[in-house]
Full PDB file with SEQRES, HELIX, SHEET, SSBOND, CRYST1, ORIGX, SCALE, CONECT and MASTER records, all heavy atoms in Angstrom:
SEQRES   1 A   35  ALA PHE LEU ARG LYS GLU GLN THR MET GLU GLN ASP THR          
SEQRES   2 A   35  ALA GLY LEU PHE ASP GLU PRO ALA ASP TYR TYR PRO PRO          
SEQRES   3 A   35  SER PRO PRO PRO THR SER GLN VAL TYR                          
HELIX    1 AA1 PHE A    2  ASP A   12  1                                  11    
CRYST1    1.000    1.000    1.000  90.00  90.00  90.00 P 1           1          
ORIGX1      1.000000  0.000000  0.000000        0.00000                         
ORIGX2      0.000000  1.000000  0.000000        0.00000                         
ORIGX3      0.000000  0.000000  1.000000        0.00000                         
SCALE1      1.000000  0.000000  0.000000        0.00000                         
SCALE2      0.000000  1.000000  0.000000        0.00000                         
SCALE3      0.000000  0.000000  1.000000        0.00000                         
ATOM      1  N   ALA A   1      -9.648 138.397 -79.609  1.00  0.00           N  
ATOM      2  CA  ALA A   1     -10.300 137.540 -80.599  1.00  0.00           C  
ATOM      3  C   ALA A   1     -10.262 136.084 -80.156  1.00  0.00           C  
ATOM      4  O   ALA A   1     -11.231 135.335 -80.308  1.00  0.00           O  
ATOM      5  CB  ALA A   1      -9.599 137.704 -81.955  1.00  0.00           C  
ATOM      6  N   PHE A   2      -9.127 135.650 -79.583  1.00  0.00           N  
ATOM      7  CA  PHE A   2      -8.984 134.272 -79.098  1.00  0.00           C  
ATOM      8  C   PHE A   2      -9.954 133.985 -77.954  1.00  0.00           C  
ATOM      9  O   PHE A   2     -10.578 132.946 -77.883  1.00  0.00           O  
ATOM     10  CB  PHE A   2      -7.537 134.035 -78.634  1.00  0.00           C  
ATOM     11  CG  PHE A   2      -7.282 132.633 -78.158  1.00  0.00           C  
ATOM     12  CD1 PHE A   2      -7.110 131.596 -79.066  1.00  0.00           C  
ATOM     13  CD2 PHE A   2      -7.230 132.350 -76.803  1.00  0.00           C  
ATOM     14  CE1 PHE A   2      -6.879 130.311 -78.628  1.00  0.00           C  
ATOM     15  CE2 PHE A   2      -6.998 131.070 -76.360  1.00  0.00           C  
ATOM     16  CZ  PHE A   2      -6.819 130.042 -77.281  1.00  0.00           C  
ATOM     17  N   LEU A   3     -10.104 134.986 -77.053  1.00  0.00           N  
ATOM     18  CA  LEU A   3     -11.003 134.827 -75.921  1.00  0.00           C  
ATOM     19  C   LEU A   3     -12.439 134.681 -76.392  1.00  0.00           C  
ATOM     20  O   LEU A   3     -13.188 133.838 -75.895  1.00  0.00           O  
ATOM     21  CB  LEU A   3     -10.866 136.027 -74.986  1.00  0.00           C  
ATOM     22  CG  LEU A   3     -11.754 136.012 -73.730  1.00  0.00           C  
ATOM     23  CD1 LEU A   3     -11.458 134.799 -72.871  1.00  0.00           C  
ATOM     24  CD2 LEU A   3     -11.544 137.302 -72.913  1.00  0.00           C  
ATOM     25  N   ARG A   4     -12.836 135.503 -77.417  1.00  0.00           N  
ATOM     26  CA  ARG A   4     -14.202 135.414 -77.939  1.00  0.00           C  
ATOM     27  C   ARG A   4     -14.450 134.048 -78.571  1.00  0.00           C  
ATOM     28  O   ARG A   4     -15.501 133.437 -78.399  1.00  0.00           O  
ATOM     29  CB  ARG A   4     -14.434 136.522 -78.987  1.00  0.00           C  
ATOM     30  CG  ARG A   4     -14.607 137.912 -78.370  1.00  0.00           C  
ATOM     31  CD  ARG A   4     -15.212 138.862 -79.396  1.00  0.00           C  
ATOM     32  NE  ARG A   4     -14.355 139.043 -80.534  1.00  0.00           N  
ATOM     33  CZ  ARG A   4     -13.377 139.959 -80.596  1.00  0.00           C  
ATOM     34  NH1 ARG A   4     -13.145 140.762 -79.572  1.00  0.00           N  
ATOM     35  NH2 ARG A   4     -12.638 140.060 -81.690  1.00  0.00           N  
ATOM     36  N   LYS A   5     -13.431 133.513 -79.268  1.00  0.00           N  
ATOM     37  CA  LYS A   5     -13.557 132.201 -79.896  1.00  0.00           C  
ATOM     38  C   LYS A   5     -13.709 131.108 -78.835  1.00  0.00           C  
ATOM     39  O   LYS A   5     -14.518 130.184 -78.959  1.00  0.00           O  
ATOM     40  CB  LYS A   5     -12.348 131.927 -80.779  1.00  0.00           C  
ATOM     41  CG  LYS A   5     -12.428 130.595 -81.530  1.00  0.00           C  
ATOM     42  CD  LYS A   5     -11.219 130.411 -82.422  1.00  0.00           C  
ATOM     43  CE  LYS A   5     -11.289 129.085 -83.172  1.00  0.00           C  
ATOM     44  NZ  LYS A   5     -10.101 128.873 -84.027  1.00  0.00           N  
ATOM     45  N   GLU A   6     -12.923 131.255 -77.755  1.00  0.00           N  
ATOM     46  CA  GLU A   6     -12.965 130.263 -76.671  1.00  0.00           C  
ATOM     47  C   GLU A   6     -14.327 130.251 -75.999  1.00  0.00           C  
ATOM     48  O   GLU A   6     -14.898 129.201 -75.694  1.00  0.00           O  
ATOM     49  CB  GLU A   6     -11.869 130.587 -75.641  1.00  0.00           C  
ATOM     50  CG  GLU A   6     -11.349 129.391 -74.884  1.00  0.00           C  
ATOM     51  CD  GLU A   6     -10.173 129.748 -74.014  1.00  0.00           C  
ATOM     52  OE1 GLU A   6     -10.185 130.842 -73.418  1.00  0.00           O  
ATOM     53  OE2 GLU A   6      -9.248 128.936 -73.938  1.00  0.00           O  
ATOM     54  N   GLN A   7     -14.888 131.467 -75.785  1.00  0.00           N  
ATOM     55  CA  GLN A   7     -16.203 131.566 -75.158  1.00  0.00           C  
ATOM     56  C   GLN A   7     -17.286 130.963 -76.040  1.00  0.00           C  
ATOM     57  O   GLN A   7     -18.196 130.296 -75.571  1.00  0.00           O  
ATOM     58  CB  GLN A   7     -16.520 133.040 -74.866  1.00  0.00           C  
ATOM     59  CG  GLN A   7     -15.664 133.622 -73.737  1.00  0.00           C  
ATOM     60  CD  GLN A   7     -15.862 135.120 -73.589  1.00  0.00           C  
ATOM     61  OE1 GLN A   7     -16.279 135.800 -74.536  1.00  0.00           O  
ATOM     62  NE2 GLN A   7     -15.544 135.637 -72.401  1.00  0.00           N  
ATOM     63  N   THR A   8     -17.149 131.157 -77.359  1.00  0.00           N  
ATOM     64  CA  THR A   8     -18.118 130.596 -78.308  1.00  0.00           C  
ATOM     65  C   THR A   8     -18.073 129.073 -78.274  1.00  0.00           C  
ATOM     66  O   THR A   8     -19.102 128.396 -78.279  1.00  0.00           O  
ATOM     67  CB  THR A   8     -17.847 131.107 -79.738  1.00  0.00           C  
ATOM     68  OG1 THR A   8     -17.922 132.523 -79.732  1.00  0.00           O  
ATOM     69  CG2 THR A   8     -18.855 130.535 -80.724  1.00  0.00           C  
ATOM     70  N   MET A   9     -16.848 128.507 -78.225  1.00  0.00           N  
ATOM     71  CA  MET A   9     -16.692 127.048 -78.176  1.00  0.00           C  
ATOM     72  C   MET A   9     -17.298 126.482 -76.910  1.00  0.00           C  
ATOM     73  O   MET A   9     -17.928 125.435 -76.922  1.00  0.00           O  
ATOM     74  CB  MET A   9     -15.206 126.666 -78.253  1.00  0.00           C  
ATOM     75  CG  MET A   9     -14.580 126.916 -79.610  1.00  0.00           C  
ATOM     76  SD  MET A   9     -12.816 126.530 -79.607  1.00  0.00           S  
ATOM     77  CE  MET A   9     -12.848 124.781 -79.305  1.00  0.00           C  
ATOM     78  N   GLU A  10     -17.120 127.212 -75.772  1.00  0.00           N  
ATOM     79  CA  GLU A  10     -17.686 126.740 -74.513  1.00  0.00           C  
ATOM     80  C   GLU A  10     -19.201 126.693 -74.584  1.00  0.00           C  
ATOM     81  O   GLU A  10     -19.840 125.771 -74.080  1.00  0.00           O  
ATOM     82  CB  GLU A  10     -17.239 127.644 -73.362  1.00  0.00           C  
ATOM     83  CG  GLU A  10     -15.766 127.469 -72.988  1.00  0.00           C  
ATOM     84  CD  GLU A  10     -15.340 128.449 -71.906  1.00  0.00           C  
ATOM     85  OE1 GLU A  10     -16.193 129.286 -71.514  1.00  0.00           O  
ATOM     86  OE2 GLU A  10     -14.185 128.387 -71.477  1.00  0.00           O  
ATOM     87  N   GLN A  11     -19.797 127.711 -75.241  1.00  0.00           N  
ATOM     88  CA  GLN A  11     -21.251 127.729 -75.381  1.00  0.00           C  
ATOM     89  C   GLN A  11     -21.733 126.591 -76.270  1.00  0.00           C  
ATOM     90  O   GLN A  11     -22.732 125.952 -75.989  1.00  0.00           O  
ATOM     91  CB  GLN A  11     -21.697 129.081 -75.956  1.00  0.00           C  
ATOM     92  CG  GLN A  11     -21.473 130.244 -74.994  1.00  0.00           C  
ATOM     93  CD  GLN A  11     -21.685 131.596 -75.664  1.00  0.00           C  
ATOM     94  OE1 GLN A  11     -21.985 131.650 -76.861  1.00  0.00           O  
ATOM     95  NE2 GLN A  11     -21.530 132.661 -74.903  1.00  0.00           N  
ATOM     96  N   ASP A  12     -20.971 126.337 -77.374  1.00  0.00           N  
ATOM     97  CA  ASP A  12     -21.373 125.290 -78.306  1.00  0.00           C  
ATOM     98  C   ASP A  12     -21.293 123.903 -77.680  1.00  0.00           C  
ATOM     99  O   ASP A  12     -22.058 123.007 -78.041  1.00  0.00           O  
ATOM    100  CB  ASP A  12     -20.494 125.334 -79.572  1.00  0.00           C  
ATOM    101  CG  ASP A  12     -20.760 126.578 -80.411  1.00  0.00           C  
ATOM    102  OD1 ASP A  12     -21.816 127.221 -80.189  1.00  0.00           O  
ATOM    103  OD2 ASP A  12     -19.909 126.911 -81.258  1.00  0.00           O  
ATOM    104  N   THR A  13     -20.329 123.724 -76.775  1.00  0.00           N  
ATOM    105  CA  THR A  13     -20.117 122.391 -76.173  1.00  0.00           C  
ATOM    106  C   THR A  13     -20.704 122.287 -74.771  1.00  0.00           C  
ATOM    107  O   THR A  13     -20.499 121.294 -74.093  1.00  0.00           O  
ATOM    108  CB  THR A  13     -18.613 122.057 -76.114  1.00  0.00           C  
ATOM    109  OG1 THR A  13     -17.960 123.052 -75.313  1.00  0.00           O  
ATOM    110  CG2 THR A  13     -18.006 122.028 -77.505  1.00  0.00           C  
ATOM    111  N   ALA A  14     -21.416 123.327 -74.340  1.00  0.00           N  
ATOM    112  CA  ALA A  14     -21.987 123.304 -72.987  1.00  0.00           C  
ATOM    113  C   ALA A  14     -22.866 122.082 -72.804  1.00  0.00           C  
ATOM    114  O   ALA A  14     -23.758 121.811 -73.604  1.00  0.00           O  
ATOM    115  CB  ALA A  14     -22.805 124.574 -72.745  1.00  0.00           C  
ATOM    116  N   GLY A  15     -22.587 121.324 -71.749  1.00  0.00           N  
ATOM    117  CA  GLY A  15     -23.384 120.145 -71.457  1.00  0.00           C  
ATOM    118  C   GLY A  15     -22.969 118.906 -72.204  1.00  0.00           C  
ATOM    119  O   GLY A  15     -23.474 117.826 -71.944  1.00  0.00           O  
ATOM    120  N   LEU A  16     -22.002 119.052 -73.157  1.00  0.00           N  
ATOM    121  CA  LEU A  16     -21.614 117.905 -73.967  1.00  0.00           C  
ATOM    122  C   LEU A  16     -21.037 116.786 -73.104  1.00  0.00           C  
ATOM    123  O   LEU A  16     -21.271 115.609 -73.341  1.00  0.00           O  
ATOM    124  CB  LEU A  16     -20.600 118.323 -75.031  1.00  0.00           C  
ATOM    125  CG  LEU A  16     -20.092 117.225 -75.973  1.00  0.00           C  
ATOM    126  CD1 LEU A  16     -21.263 116.671 -76.790  1.00  0.00           C  
ATOM    127  CD2 LEU A  16     -19.001 117.756 -76.887  1.00  0.00           C  
ATOM    128  N   PHE A  17     -20.260 117.168 -72.088  1.00  0.00           N  
ATOM    129  CA  PHE A  17     -19.606 116.172 -71.241  1.00  0.00           C  
ATOM    130  C   PHE A  17     -20.320 115.982 -69.898  1.00  0.00           C  
ATOM    131  O   PHE A  17     -19.842 115.274 -69.029  1.00  0.00           O  
ATOM    132  CB  PHE A  17     -18.145 116.558 -71.001  1.00  0.00           C  
ATOM    133  CG  PHE A  17     -17.352 116.628 -72.279  1.00  0.00           C  
ATOM    134  CD1 PHE A  17     -16.999 117.847 -72.818  1.00  0.00           C  
ATOM    135  CD2 PHE A  17     -16.999 115.468 -72.956  1.00  0.00           C  
ATOM    136  CE1 PHE A  17     -16.276 117.911 -73.999  1.00  0.00           C  
ATOM    137  CE2 PHE A  17     -16.281 115.532 -74.145  1.00  0.00           C  
ATOM    138  CZ  PHE A  17     -15.926 116.757 -74.675  1.00  0.00           C  
ATOM    139  N   ASP A  18     -21.447 116.666 -69.721  1.00  0.00           N  
ATOM    140  CA  ASP A  18     -22.230 116.472 -68.501  1.00  0.00           C  
ATOM    141  C   ASP A  18     -22.971 115.146 -68.576  1.00  0.00           C  
ATOM    142  O   ASP A  18     -23.477 114.769 -69.629  1.00  0.00           O  
ATOM    143  CB  ASP A  18     -23.246 117.608 -68.315  1.00  0.00           C  
ATOM    144  CG  ASP A  18     -22.576 118.942 -68.032  1.00  0.00           C  
ATOM    145  OD1 ASP A  18     -21.380 118.916 -67.687  1.00  0.00           O  
ATOM    146  OD2 ASP A  18     -23.244 119.981 -68.175  1.00  0.00           O  
ATOM    147  N   GLU A  19     -23.036 114.445 -67.420  1.00  0.00           N  
ATOM    148  CA  GLU A  19     -23.763 113.189 -67.387  1.00  0.00           C  
ATOM    149  C   GLU A  19     -25.254 113.474 -67.273  1.00  0.00           C  
ATOM    150  O   GLU A  19     -25.667 114.336 -66.483  1.00  0.00           O  
ATOM    151  CB  GLU A  19     -23.299 112.344 -66.199  1.00  0.00           C  
ATOM    152  CG  GLU A  19     -21.849 111.885 -66.352  1.00  0.00           C  
ATOM    153  CD  GLU A  19     -21.251 111.438 -65.041  1.00  0.00           C  
ATOM    154  OE1 GLU A  19     -21.896 111.685 -64.009  1.00  0.00           O  
ATOM    155  OE2 GLU A  19     -20.151 110.858 -65.041  1.00  0.00           O  
ATOM    156  N   PRO A  20     -26.090 112.823 -68.070  1.00  0.00           N  
ATOM    157  CA  PRO A  20     -27.527 113.048 -67.965  1.00  0.00           C  
ATOM    158  C   PRO A  20     -28.043 112.655 -66.592  1.00  0.00           C  
ATOM    159  O   PRO A  20     -27.423 111.861 -65.881  1.00  0.00           O  
ATOM    160  CB  PRO A  20     -28.115 112.137 -69.057  1.00  0.00           C  
ATOM    161  CG  PRO A  20     -27.065 111.113 -69.313  1.00  0.00           C  
ATOM    162  CD  PRO A  20     -25.753 111.800 -69.077  1.00  0.00           C  
ATOM    163  N   ALA A  21     -29.176 113.224 -66.233  1.00  0.00           N  
ATOM    164  CA  ALA A  21     -29.723 113.007 -64.881  1.00  0.00           C  
ATOM    165  C   ALA A  21     -29.918 111.530 -64.565  1.00  0.00           C  
ATOM    166  O   ALA A  21     -29.823 111.107 -63.425  1.00  0.00           O  
ATOM    167  CB  ALA A  21     -31.039 113.762 -64.739  1.00  0.00           C  
ATOM    168  N   ASP A  22     -30.220 110.718 -65.595  1.00  0.00           N  
ATOM    169  CA  ASP A  22     -30.475 109.298 -65.360  1.00  0.00           C  
ATOM    170  C   ASP A  22     -29.297 108.418 -65.773  1.00  0.00           C  
ATOM    171  O   ASP A  22     -29.455 107.242 -66.051  1.00  0.00           O  
ATOM    172  CB  ASP A  22     -31.732 108.853 -66.112  1.00  0.00           C  
ATOM    173  CG  ASP A  22     -31.620 109.085 -67.628  1.00  0.00           C  
ATOM    174  OD1 ASP A  22     -30.632 109.734 -68.051  1.00  0.00           O  
ATOM    175  OD2 ASP A  22     -32.499 108.616 -68.370  1.00  0.00           O  
ATOM    176  N   TYR A  23     -28.093 109.039 -65.810  1.00  0.00           N  
ATOM    177  CA  TYR A  23     -26.910 108.279 -66.238  1.00  0.00           C  
ATOM    178  C   TYR A  23     -26.624 107.125 -65.283  1.00  0.00           C  
ATOM    179  O   TYR A  23     -26.347 106.013 -65.700  1.00  0.00           O  
ATOM    180  CB  TYR A  23     -25.703 109.214 -66.303  1.00  0.00           C  
ATOM    181  CG  TYR A  23     -24.431 108.537 -66.784  1.00  0.00           C  
ATOM    182  CD1 TYR A  23     -24.231 108.288 -68.141  1.00  0.00           C  
ATOM    183  CD2 TYR A  23     -23.446 108.150 -65.886  1.00  0.00           C  
ATOM    184  CE1 TYR A  23     -23.074 107.669 -68.585  1.00  0.00           C  
ATOM    185  CE2 TYR A  23     -22.290 107.532 -66.322  1.00  0.00           C  
ATOM    186  CZ  TYR A  23     -22.115 107.294 -67.670  1.00  0.00           C  
ATOM    187  OH  TYR A  23     -20.971 106.690 -68.116  1.00  0.00           O  
ATOM    188  N   TYR A  24     -26.673 107.416 -63.975  1.00  0.00           N  
ATOM    189  CA  TYR A  24     -26.488 106.371 -62.975  1.00  0.00           C  
ATOM    190  C   TYR A  24     -27.851 105.866 -62.527  1.00  0.00           C  
ATOM    191  O   TYR A  24     -28.765 106.660 -62.309  1.00  0.00           O  
ATOM    192  CB  TYR A  24     -25.732 106.911 -61.754  1.00  0.00           C  
ATOM    193  CG  TYR A  24     -24.295 107.257 -62.039  1.00  0.00           C  
ATOM    194  CD1 TYR A  24     -23.872 108.583 -62.056  1.00  0.00           C  
ATOM    195  CD2 TYR A  24     -23.357 106.261 -62.287  1.00  0.00           C  
ATOM    196  CE1 TYR A  24     -22.545 108.908 -62.306  1.00  0.00           C  
ATOM    197  CE2 TYR A  24     -22.030 106.575 -62.548  1.00  0.00           C  
ATOM    198  CZ  TYR A  24     -21.628 107.897 -62.549  1.00  0.00           C  
ATOM    199  OH  TYR A  24     -20.327 108.211 -62.806  1.00  0.00           O  
ATOM    200  N   PRO A  25     -27.996 104.549 -62.371  1.00  0.00           N  
ATOM    201  CA  PRO A  25     -29.296 104.048 -61.897  1.00  0.00           C  
ATOM    202  C   PRO A  25     -29.534 104.530 -60.476  1.00  0.00           C  
ATOM    203  O   PRO A  25     -28.597 104.648 -59.692  1.00  0.00           O  
ATOM    204  CB  PRO A  25     -29.118 102.518 -61.944  1.00  0.00           C  
ATOM    205  CG  PRO A  25     -27.646 102.296 -61.891  1.00  0.00           C  
ATOM    206  CD  PRO A  25     -27.027 103.467 -62.594  1.00  0.00           C  
ATOM    207  N   PRO A  26     -30.767 104.855 -60.132  1.00  0.00           N  
ATOM    208  CA  PRO A  26     -31.042 105.336 -58.780  1.00  0.00           C  
ATOM    209  C   PRO A  26     -30.790 104.240 -57.743  1.00  0.00           C  
ATOM    210  O   PRO A  26     -30.927 103.061 -58.033  1.00  0.00           O  
ATOM    211  CB  PRO A  26     -32.531 105.692 -58.830  1.00  0.00           C  
ATOM    212  CG  PRO A  26     -33.083 104.834 -59.928  1.00  0.00           C  
ATOM    213  CD  PRO A  26     -31.984 104.722 -60.941  1.00  0.00           C  
ATOM    214  N   SER A  27     -30.380 104.671 -56.548  1.00  0.00           N  
ATOM    215  CA  SER A  27     -30.193 103.703 -55.471  1.00  0.00           C  
ATOM    216  C   SER A  27     -31.539 103.086 -55.128  1.00  0.00           C  
ATOM    217  O   SER A  27     -32.555 103.781 -55.107  1.00  0.00           O  
ATOM    218  CB  SER A  27     -29.617 104.394 -54.228  1.00  0.00           C  
ATOM    219  OG  SER A  27     -28.321 104.877 -54.483  1.00  0.00           O  
ATOM    220  N   PRO A  28     -31.568 101.779 -54.878  1.00  0.00           N  
ATOM    221  CA  PRO A  28     -32.849 101.163 -54.524  1.00  0.00           C  
ATOM    222  C   PRO A  28     -33.367 101.753 -53.220  1.00  0.00           C  
ATOM    223  O   PRO A  28     -32.582 102.167 -52.362  1.00  0.00           O  
ATOM    224  CB  PRO A  28     -32.486  99.683 -54.372  1.00  0.00           C  
ATOM    225  CG  PRO A  28     -31.019  99.656 -54.140  1.00  0.00           C  
ATOM    226  CD  PRO A  28     -30.464 100.821 -54.887  1.00  0.00           C  
ATOM    227  N   PRO A  29     -34.671 101.816 -53.061  1.00  0.00           N  
ATOM    228  CA  PRO A  29     -35.237 102.398 -51.834  1.00  0.00           C  
ATOM    229  C   PRO A  29     -34.999 101.478 -50.635  1.00  0.00           C  
ATOM    230  O   PRO A  29     -34.778 100.278 -50.793  1.00  0.00           O  
ATOM    231  CB  PRO A  29     -36.734 102.486 -52.157  1.00  0.00           C  
ATOM    232  CG  PRO A  29     -36.960 101.387 -53.155  1.00  0.00           C  
ATOM    233  CD  PRO A  29     -35.716 101.346 -53.984  1.00  0.00           C  
ATOM    234  N   PRO A  30     -35.029 102.042 -49.434  1.00  0.00           N  
ATOM    235  CA  PRO A  30     -34.908 101.214 -48.235  1.00  0.00           C  
ATOM    236  C   PRO A  30     -36.027 100.172 -48.201  1.00  0.00           C  
ATOM    237  O   PRO A  30     -37.109 100.385 -48.735  1.00  0.00           O  
ATOM    238  CB  PRO A  30     -35.054 102.229 -47.094  1.00  0.00           C  
ATOM    239  CG  PRO A  30     -34.667 103.533 -47.692  1.00  0.00           C  
ATOM    240  CD  PRO A  30     -35.142 103.475 -49.121  1.00  0.00           C  
ATOM    241  N   THR A  31     -35.741  99.039 -47.582  1.00  0.00           N  
ATOM    242  CA  THR A  31     -36.727  97.973 -47.464  1.00  0.00           C  
ATOM    243  C   THR A  31     -36.866  97.585 -45.997  1.00  0.00           C  
ATOM    244  O   THR A  31     -36.178  98.130 -45.130  1.00  0.00           O  
ATOM    245  CB  THR A  31     -36.312  96.732 -48.277  1.00  0.00           C  
ATOM    246  OG1 THR A  31     -35.040  96.267 -47.785  1.00  0.00           O  
ATOM    247  CG2 THR A  31     -36.188  97.058 -49.759  1.00  0.00           C  
ATOM    248  N   SER A  32     -37.736  96.651 -45.726  1.00  0.00           N  
ATOM    249  CA  SER A  32     -37.871  96.136 -44.365  1.00  0.00           C  
ATOM    250  C   SER A  32     -38.161  94.645 -44.420  1.00  0.00           C  
ATOM    251  O   SER A  32     -38.689  94.141 -45.419  1.00  0.00           O  
ATOM    252  CB  SER A  32     -38.983  96.871 -43.601  1.00  0.00           C  
ATOM    253  OG  SER A  32     -40.242  96.631 -44.209  1.00  0.00           O  
ATOM    254  N   GLN A  33     -37.774  93.938 -43.359  1.00  0.00           N  
ATOM    255  CA  GLN A  33     -38.071  92.524 -43.226  1.00  0.00           C  
ATOM    256  C   GLN A  33     -38.565  92.265 -41.816  1.00  0.00           C  
ATOM    257  O   GLN A  33     -38.267  93.022 -40.884  1.00  0.00           O  
ATOM    258  CB  GLN A  33     -36.839  91.668 -43.537  1.00  0.00           C  
ATOM    259  CG  GLN A  33     -36.430  91.721 -45.000  1.00  0.00           C  
ATOM    260  CD  GLN A  33     -35.480  90.599 -45.374  1.00  0.00           C  
ATOM    261  OE1 GLN A  33     -35.500  89.520 -44.779  1.00  0.00           O  
ATOM    262  NE2 GLN A  33     -34.639  90.846 -46.361  1.00  0.00           N  
ATOM    263  N   VAL A  34     -39.303  91.177 -41.675  1.00  0.00           N  
ATOM    264  CA  VAL A  34     -39.900  90.845 -40.378  1.00  0.00           C  
ATOM    265  C   VAL A  34     -39.278  89.558 -39.850  1.00  0.00           C  
ATOM    266  O   VAL A  34     -39.158  88.569 -40.579  1.00  0.00           O  
ATOM    267  CB  VAL A  34     -41.431  90.693 -40.495  1.00  0.00           C  
ATOM    268  CG1 VAL A  34     -42.018  90.209 -39.166  1.00  0.00           C  
ATOM    269  CG2 VAL A  34     -42.067  92.011 -40.908  1.00  0.00           C  
ATOM    270  N   TYR A  35     -38.866  89.588 -38.599  1.00  0.00           N  
ATOM    271  CA  TYR A  35     -38.356  88.395 -37.912  1.00  0.00           C  
ATOM    272  C   TYR A  35     -39.381  88.006 -36.852  1.00  0.00           C  
ATOM    273  O   TYR A  35     -39.812  88.844 -36.053  1.00  0.00           O  
ATOM    274  CB  TYR A  35     -37.011  88.685 -37.263  1.00  0.00           C  
ATOM    275  CG  TYR A  35     -36.466  87.535 -36.433  1.00  0.00           C  
ATOM    276  CD1 TYR A  35     -35.747  86.505 -37.033  1.00  0.00           C  
ATOM    277  CD2 TYR A  35     -36.671  87.486 -35.054  1.00  0.00           C  
ATOM    278  CE1 TYR A  35     -35.241  85.448 -36.275  1.00  0.00           C  
ATOM    279  CE2 TYR A  35     -36.170  86.433 -34.293  1.00  0.00           C  
ATOM    280  CZ  TYR A  35     -35.456  85.418 -34.909  1.00  0.00           C  
ATOM    281  OH  TYR A  35     -34.972  84.380 -34.160  1.00  0.00           O  
TER     282      TYR A  35                                                      
MASTER        0    0    0    1    0    0    0    6  281    1    0    3          
END                                                                             
């Protein structure tokens, strides 16, 4: 019974602590300069 309860809680909280895809700002793209 405890195991079933634990599995249910995991399903209910799935993704709760996952960082969204856009949580971190993307790295800026490479650039170039001319000398």
